[in-house]
Amino acid sequence: MQKTCTYSYNESIIRIRNVVKRQYGVWKRRFPILKIDLLFKFKQFTATAVIHNMALKENEMIPEDWVEREKEENHEPIQEFPDYHPSHTIRQNIINEYFARL
């Protein structure tokens, strides 16, 4: 049972991560300034988020080839942490409390 819960947790993380990475890919194509190091570009990042959301609200469609190109790109696998990593306890609690009930 624990293995199934852990598998479900990992699958959900992968699905969420793929959606987020695709969105960032689309966002970077719409706003090429985001391809520059984001650590120093927080204001630009925030501004493009606002503009992007305004465009979506106005039903401005994202060119389909942007989405397709992002889907085709390879994504690196999620890093596995050893059991003794501090985040392991939090992760295990999420698995036990939520995914065990599914």
Protein backbone atom coordinates (compact mmCIF):
# COMPACT_ATOMS: atom_id res chain seq x y z
CA MET A 1 0.00 0.00 0.00
CA GLN A 2 2.80 2.45 0.91
CA LYS A 3 4.46 1.86 -2.45
CA THR A 4 1.20 2.64 -4.27
CA CYS A 5 0.72 5.84 -2.24
CA THR A 6 4.28 6.93 -2.95
CA TYR A 7 3.82 6.17 -6.65
CA SER A 8 0.60 8.25 -6.73
CA TYR A 9 2.36 11.11 -4.98
CA ASN A 10 5.27 11.01 -7.43
CA GLU A 11 2.93 10.88 -10.42
CA SER A 12 0.99 13.91 -9.19
CA ILE A 13 4.22 15.87 -8.67
CA ILE A 14 5.38 15.00 -12.19
CA ARG A 15 2.04 16.08 -13.71
CA ILE A 16 2.05 19.38 -11.82
CA ARG A 17 5.69 20.01 -12.65
CA ASN A 18 5.08 19.40 -16.35
CA VAL A 19 2.18 21.87 -16.41
CA VAL A 20 4.24 24.52 -14.62
CA LYS A 21 7.27 23.99 -16.88
CA ARG A 22 5.09 24.19 -20.01
CA GLN A 23 3.58 27.42 -18.73
CA TYR A 24 7.02 28.92 -18.08
CA GLY A 25 8.06 27.89 -21.59
CA VAL A 26 5.06 29.66 -23.10
CA TRP A 27 5.71 32.64 -20.87
CA LYS A 28 9.36 32.85 -21.93
CA ARG A 29 8.34 32.80 -25.59
CA ARG A 30 5.82 35.58 -25.01
CA PHE A 31 8.32 37.62 -22.96
CA PRO A 32 11.89 36.82 -24.10
CA ILE A 33 13.32 38.99 -21.30
CA LEU A 34 12.52 36.08 -18.97
CA LYS A 35 15.24 33.99 -20.60
CA ILE A 36 17.74 36.19 -18.77
CA ASP A 37 18.65 35.25 -15.20
CA LEU A 38 15.47 35.64 -13.14
CA LEU A 39 17.29 36.16 -9.86
CA PHE A 40 17.93 39.75 -10.87
CA LYS A 41 14.69 40.29 -12.75
CA PHE A 42 11.97 39.92 -10.11
CA LYS A 43 10.17 43.13 -11.17
CA GLN A 44 10.19 42.06 -14.83
CA PHE A 45 8.97 38.61 -13.85
CA THR A 46 6.10 40.11 -11.86
CA ALA A 47 5.23 42.55 -14.64
CA THR A 48 5.09 39.80 -17.25
CA ALA A 49 2.86 37.74 -14.94
CA VAL A 50 0.41 40.64 -14.76
CA ILE A 51 0.52 41.22 -18.54
CA HIS A 52 0.14 37.50 -19.23
CA ASN A 53 -2.91 37.26 -16.94
CA MET A 54 -4.42 40.36 -18.57
CA ALA A 55 -3.91 38.78 -22.00
CA LEU A 56 -5.61 35.59 -20.85
CA LYS A 57 -8.50 37.59 -19.38
CA GLU A 58 -8.93 39.31 -22.76
CA ASN A 59 -8.90 35.87 -24.44
CA GLU A 60 -5.67 36.60 -26.27
CA MET A 61 -4.72 33.16 -27.45
CA ILE A 62 -1.23 31.79 -27.09
CA PRO A 63 0.08 30.57 -30.46
CA GLU A 64 -0.35 26.80 -30.56
CA ASP A 65 3.23 26.23 -31.76
CA TRP A 66 4.53 27.74 -28.50
CA VAL A 67 2.67 25.12 -26.52
CA GLU A 68 3.65 22.30 -28.90
CA ARG A 69 7.35 23.22 -28.84
CA GLU A 70 7.32 23.20 -25.04
CA LYS A 71 5.69 19.74 -24.97
CA GLU A 72 8.42 18.38 -27.24
CA GLU A 73 11.30 19.63 -25.09
CA ASN A 74 12.97 17.14 -22.79
CA HIS A 75 12.50 17.65 -19.08
CA GLU A 76 15.01 16.43 -16.57
CA PRO A 77 13.74 13.88 -14.03
CA ILE A 78 12.72 14.95 -10.57
CA GLN A 79 15.62 14.70 -8.14
CA GLU A 80 15.26 11.97 -5.56
CA PHE A 81 16.36 12.88 -2.05
CA PRO A 82 17.76 10.30 0.35
CA ASP A 83 15.50 9.22 3.22
CA TYR A 84 17.49 11.25 5.73
CA HIS A 85 16.88 14.57 3.92
CA PRO A 86 14.88 16.99 6.16
CA SER A 87 12.11 17.30 3.57
CA HIS A 88 11.54 13.53 3.65
CA THR A 89 9.42 13.73 6.81
CA ILE A 90 7.15 16.39 5.30
CA ARG A 91 6.86 14.44 2.06
CA GLN A 92 6.07 11.24 3.93
CA ASN A 93 3.37 12.98 5.99
CA ILE A 94 1.70 14.24 2.80
CA ILE A 95 1.79 10.74 1.33
CA ASN A 96 0.41 9.16 4.50
CA GLU A 97 -2.32 11.73 5.16
CA TYR A 98 -3.57 12.42 1.64
CA PHE A 99 -2.54 9.74 -0.84
CA ALA A 100 -3.36 6.84 1.48
CA ARG A 101 -7.02 7.95 1.37
CA LEU A 102 -7.29 7.86 -2.43
